[in-house]
Amino acid sequence: MPADLYTKIYNFLSNAEEEDITAGSVIYQKIKKNPWITQNELKSIIEWAVTFAKNQYERGSLRYTTLLKILPEVRYQSFE
């Protein structure tokens, strides 16, 4: 797993405004950094980053809820 891409996505999830956090904006972080990553690897990186980022926030908080919405969007998204 490319650590620099994971770090970039994690930092985005931790620091961006809630209204800017969407599956599309997270995927865009990948496209800017590494357009050749496989779809499965990207999904794995995003899942790890979301999991660790949401653990930094209180359950039920706006940020936590926003992060939870990303996982199903990314899991069923096709990047082709």
N, C-alpha and C. Protein backbone atom coordinates (compact mmCIF):
# COMPACT_ATOMS: atom_id res chain seq x y z
N MET A 1 0.85 -1.17 0.00
CA MET A 1 0.00 0.00 0.00
C MET A 1 0.89 1.24 0.00
N PRO A 2 0.73 2.10 -0.97
CA PRO A 2 1.56 3.31 -1.01
C PRO A 2 1.27 4.21 0.19
N ALA A 3 2.25 4.31 1.08
CA ALA A 3 2.08 5.06 2.32
C ALA A 3 1.82 6.54 2.07
N ASP A 4 2.45 7.12 1.06
CA ASP A 4 2.26 8.55 0.81
C ASP A 4 0.83 8.85 0.36
N LEU A 5 0.23 7.95 -0.41
CA LEU A 5 -1.15 8.14 -0.85
C LEU A 5 -2.10 7.98 0.34
N TYR A 6 -1.86 6.97 1.16
CA TYR A 6 -2.67 6.78 2.37
C TYR A 6 -2.60 8.04 3.24
N THR A 7 -1.41 8.56 3.45
CA THR A 7 -1.22 9.75 4.29
C THR A 7 -1.95 10.95 3.70
N LYS A 8 -1.87 11.11 2.39
CA LYS A 8 -2.55 12.22 1.73
C LYS A 8 -4.06 12.12 1.93
N ILE A 9 -4.62 10.94 1.73
CA ILE A 9 -6.06 10.76 1.90
C ILE A 9 -6.46 10.93 3.36
N TYR A 10 -5.70 10.36 4.27
CA TYR A 10 -5.99 10.51 5.70
C TYR A 10 -5.97 11.99 6.10
N ASN A 11 -4.96 12.72 5.67
CA ASN A 11 -4.87 14.14 6.00
C ASN A 11 -6.04 14.92 5.42
N PHE A 12 -6.43 14.58 4.20
CA PHE A 12 -7.59 15.24 3.60
C PHE A 12 -8.83 14.97 4.44
N LEU A 13 -9.06 13.72 4.80
CA LEU A 13 -10.24 13.36 5.59
C LEU A 13 -10.23 14.03 6.95
N SER A 14 -9.07 14.22 7.52
CA SER A 14 -8.96 14.82 8.85
C SER A 14 -9.07 16.33 8.84
N ASN A 15 -8.69 16.97 7.74
CA ASN A 15 -8.57 18.43 7.74
C ASN A 15 -9.57 19.17 6.86
N ALA A 16 -10.17 18.51 5.89
CA ALA A 16 -11.09 19.19 4.97
C ALA A 16 -12.39 19.55 5.70
N GLU A 17 -13.07 20.53 5.18
CA GLU A 17 -14.40 20.87 5.68
C GLU A 17 -15.34 19.71 5.38
N GLU A 18 -16.29 19.46 6.28
CA GLU A 18 -17.21 18.33 6.10
C GLU A 18 -17.91 18.36 4.74
N GLU A 19 -18.33 19.55 4.31
CA GLU A 19 -19.06 19.63 3.04
C GLU A 19 -18.18 19.32 1.83
N ASP A 20 -16.86 19.32 2.01
CA ASP A 20 -15.94 19.00 0.91
C ASP A 20 -15.57 17.53 0.86
N ILE A 21 -15.98 16.76 1.86
CA ILE A 21 -15.62 15.34 1.93
C ILE A 21 -16.70 14.50 1.27
N THR A 22 -16.37 13.96 0.11
CA THR A 22 -17.25 13.05 -0.62
C THR A 22 -16.38 11.94 -1.19
N ALA A 23 -17.02 10.89 -1.67
CA ALA A 23 -16.24 9.82 -2.30
C ALA A 23 -15.47 10.38 -3.49
N GLY A 24 -16.11 11.26 -4.25
CA GLY A 24 -15.45 11.85 -5.42
C GLY A 24 -14.23 12.67 -5.04
N SER A 25 -14.32 13.43 -3.96
CA SER A 25 -13.17 14.24 -3.56
C SER A 25 -12.03 13.38 -3.04
N VAL A 26 -12.37 12.27 -2.41
CA VAL A 26 -11.32 11.35 -1.93
C VAL A 26 -10.65 10.67 -3.13
N ILE A 27 -11.44 10.24 -4.09
CA ILE A 27 -10.88 9.61 -5.29
C ILE A 27 -10.00 10.59 -6.05
N TYR A 28 -10.39 11.85 -6.08
CA TYR A 28 -9.59 12.87 -6.75
C TYR A 28 -8.20 12.98 -6.12
N GLN A 29 -8.10 12.81 -4.81
CA GLN A 29 -6.79 12.83 -4.14
C GLN A 29 -5.88 11.76 -4.74
N LYS A 30 -6.47 10.63 -5.08
CA LYS A 30 -5.73 9.53 -5.69
C LYS A 30 -5.29 9.89 -7.10
N ILE A 31 -6.20 10.45 -7.86
CA ILE A 31 -5.90 10.76 -9.25
C ILE A 31 -4.75 11.77 -9.34
N LYS A 32 -4.75 12.74 -8.45
CA LYS A 32 -3.68 13.74 -8.45
C LYS A 32 -2.34 13.10 -8.12
N LYS A 33 -2.35 12.15 -7.20
CA LYS A 33 -1.11 11.59 -6.69
C LYS A 33 -0.59 10.40 -7.50
N ASN A 34 -1.50 9.50 -7.89
CA ASN A 34 -1.06 8.26 -8.52
C ASN A 34 -2.17 7.72 -9.44
N PRO A 35 -2.20 8.14 -10.69
CA PRO A 35 -3.29 7.71 -11.58
C PRO A 35 -3.21 6.24 -11.99
N TRP A 36 -2.14 5.54 -11.66
CA TRP A 36 -1.95 4.16 -12.12
C TRP A 36 -2.26 3.11 -11.07
N ILE A 37 -2.74 3.50 -9.93
CA ILE A 37 -3.06 2.55 -8.87
C ILE A 37 -4.28 1.72 -9.27
N THR A 38 -4.33 0.46 -8.87
CA THR A 38 -5.47 -0.38 -9.23
C THR A 38 -6.69 0.00 -8.40
N GLN A 39 -7.83 -0.34 -8.94
CA GLN A 39 -9.09 -0.03 -8.28
C GLN A 39 -9.17 -0.69 -6.90
N ASN A 40 -8.78 -1.95 -6.80
CA ASN A 40 -8.84 -2.66 -5.52
C ASN A 40 -7.87 -2.07 -4.51
N GLU A 41 -6.69 -1.70 -4.97
CA GLU A 41 -5.71 -1.10 -4.05
C GLU A 41 -6.22 0.25 -3.55
N LEU A 42 -6.82 1.03 -4.44
CA LEU A 42 -7.36 2.32 -4.04
C LEU A 42 -8.47 2.16 -3.01
N LYS A 43 -9.38 1.23 -3.25
CA LYS A 43 -10.46 0.99 -2.30
C LYS A 43 -9.90 0.60 -0.94
N SER A 44 -8.89 -0.24 -0.93
CA SER A 44 -8.27 -0.66 0.32
C SER A 44 -7.65 0.53 1.06
N ILE A 45 -6.93 1.37 0.34
CA ILE A 45 -6.30 2.55 0.94
C ILE A 45 -7.35 3.48 1.52
N ILE A 46 -8.42 3.72 0.76
CA ILE A 46 -9.47 4.61 1.23
C ILE A 46 -10.15 4.03 2.47
N GLU A 47 -10.43 2.74 2.46
CA GLU A 47 -11.06 2.11 3.62
C GLU A 47 -10.20 2.25 4.87
N TRP A 48 -8.90 2.02 4.74
CA TRP A 48 -7.99 2.17 5.88
C TRP A 48 -7.97 3.62 6.37
N ALA A 49 -7.86 4.55 5.43
CA ALA A 49 -7.78 5.97 5.81
C ALA A 49 -9.07 6.43 6.48
N VAL A 50 -10.22 6.02 5.94
CA VAL A 50 -11.50 6.40 6.54
C VAL A 50 -11.63 5.79 7.93
N THR A 51 -11.28 4.52 8.07
CA THR A 51 -11.37 3.85 9.36
C THR A 51 -10.53 4.56 10.42
N PHE A 52 -9.29 4.87 10.10
CA PHE A 52 -8.44 5.53 11.07
C PHE A 52 -8.87 6.97 11.32
N ALA A 53 -9.32 7.67 10.29
CA ALA A 53 -9.75 9.05 10.47
C ALA A 53 -11.00 9.12 11.34
N LYS A 54 -11.97 8.24 11.09
CA LYS A 54 -13.21 8.31 11.88
C LYS A 54 -12.98 7.95 13.34
N ASN A 55 -11.95 7.17 13.62
CA ASN A 55 -11.63 6.83 15.00
C ASN A 55 -11.11 8.02 15.80
N GLN A 56 -10.80 9.11 15.12
CA GLN A 56 -10.31 10.32 15.78
C GLN A 56 -11.45 11.21 16.24
N TYR A 57 -12.69 10.86 15.87
CA TYR A 57 -13.83 11.72 16.15
C TYR A 57 -14.87 10.97 16.98
N GLU A 58 -15.65 11.73 17.73
CA GLU A 58 -16.69 11.16 18.56
C GLU A 58 -17.79 10.56 17.70
N ARG A 59 -18.21 9.37 18.06
CA ARG A 59 -19.30 8.70 17.33
C ARG A 59 -20.53 9.61 17.36
N GLY A 60 -21.13 9.80 16.19
CA GLY A 60 -22.31 10.64 16.08
C GLY A 60 -22.00 12.09 15.71
N SER A 61 -20.73 12.47 15.76
CA SER A 61 -20.37 13.84 15.37
C SER A 61 -20.54 13.99 13.86
N LEU A 62 -20.62 15.24 13.41
CA LEU A 62 -20.81 15.50 11.99
C LEU A 62 -19.67 14.91 11.17
N ARG A 63 -18.43 15.07 11.61
CA ARG A 63 -17.27 14.53 10.87
C ARG A 63 -17.36 13.01 10.81
N TYR A 64 -17.65 12.37 11.91
CA TYR A 64 -17.76 10.91 11.97
C TYR A 64 -18.82 10.42 10.98
N THR A 65 -19.98 11.06 11.00
CA THR A 65 -21.08 10.68 10.11
C THR A 65 -20.70 10.89 8.64
N THR A 66 -20.02 11.99 8.36
CA THR A 66 -19.58 12.27 7.00
C THR A 66 -18.62 11.19 6.51
N LEU A 67 -17.69 10.81 7.35
CA LEU A 67 -16.72 9.77 6.98
C LEU A 67 -17.40 8.43 6.74
N LEU A 68 -18.40 8.10 7.55
CA LEU A 68 -19.11 6.83 7.37
C LEU A 68 -19.81 6.76 6.02
N LYS A 69 -20.26 7.89 5.50
CA LYS A 69 -20.97 7.91 4.22
C LYS A 69 -20.05 7.60 3.04
N ILE A 70 -18.76 7.79 3.21
CA ILE A 70 -17.81 7.57 2.12
C ILE A 70 -17.63 6.09 1.80
N LEU A 71 -17.57 5.26 2.82
CA LEU A 71 -17.25 3.84 2.60
C LEU A 71 -18.19 3.15 1.62
N PRO A 72 -19.51 3.23 1.80
CA PRO A 72 -20.36 2.53 0.81
C PRO A 72 -20.25 3.12 -0.59
N GLU A 73 -20.04 4.42 -0.67
CA GLU A 73 -19.88 5.05 -1.99
C GLU A 73 -18.65 4.52 -2.70
N VAL A 74 -17.56 4.38 -1.98
CA VAL A 74 -16.30 3.92 -2.57
C VAL A 74 -16.36 2.43 -2.88
N ARG A 75 -16.95 1.64 -2.00
CA ARG A 75 -17.00 0.19 -2.20
C ARG A 75 -17.71 -0.19 -3.48
N TYR A 76 -18.73 0.57 -3.84
CA TYR A 76 -19.53 0.21 -5.01
C TYR A 76 -19.26 1.09 -6.21
N GLN A 77 -18.23 1.89 -6.13
CA GLN A 77 -17.86 2.80 -7.21
C GLN A 77 -16.95 2.08 -8.20
N SER A 78 -17.17 2.33 -9.47
CA SER A 78 -16.27 1.83 -10.50
C SER A 78 -15.43 3.01 -10.97
N PHE A 79 -14.13 2.83 -11.06
CA PHE A 79 -13.23 3.91 -11.39
C PHE A 79 -12.76 3.88 -12.83
N GLU A 80 -13.38 3.07 -13.64
CA GLU A 80 -12.93 2.92 -15.02
C GLU A 80 -13.55 3.95 -15.91
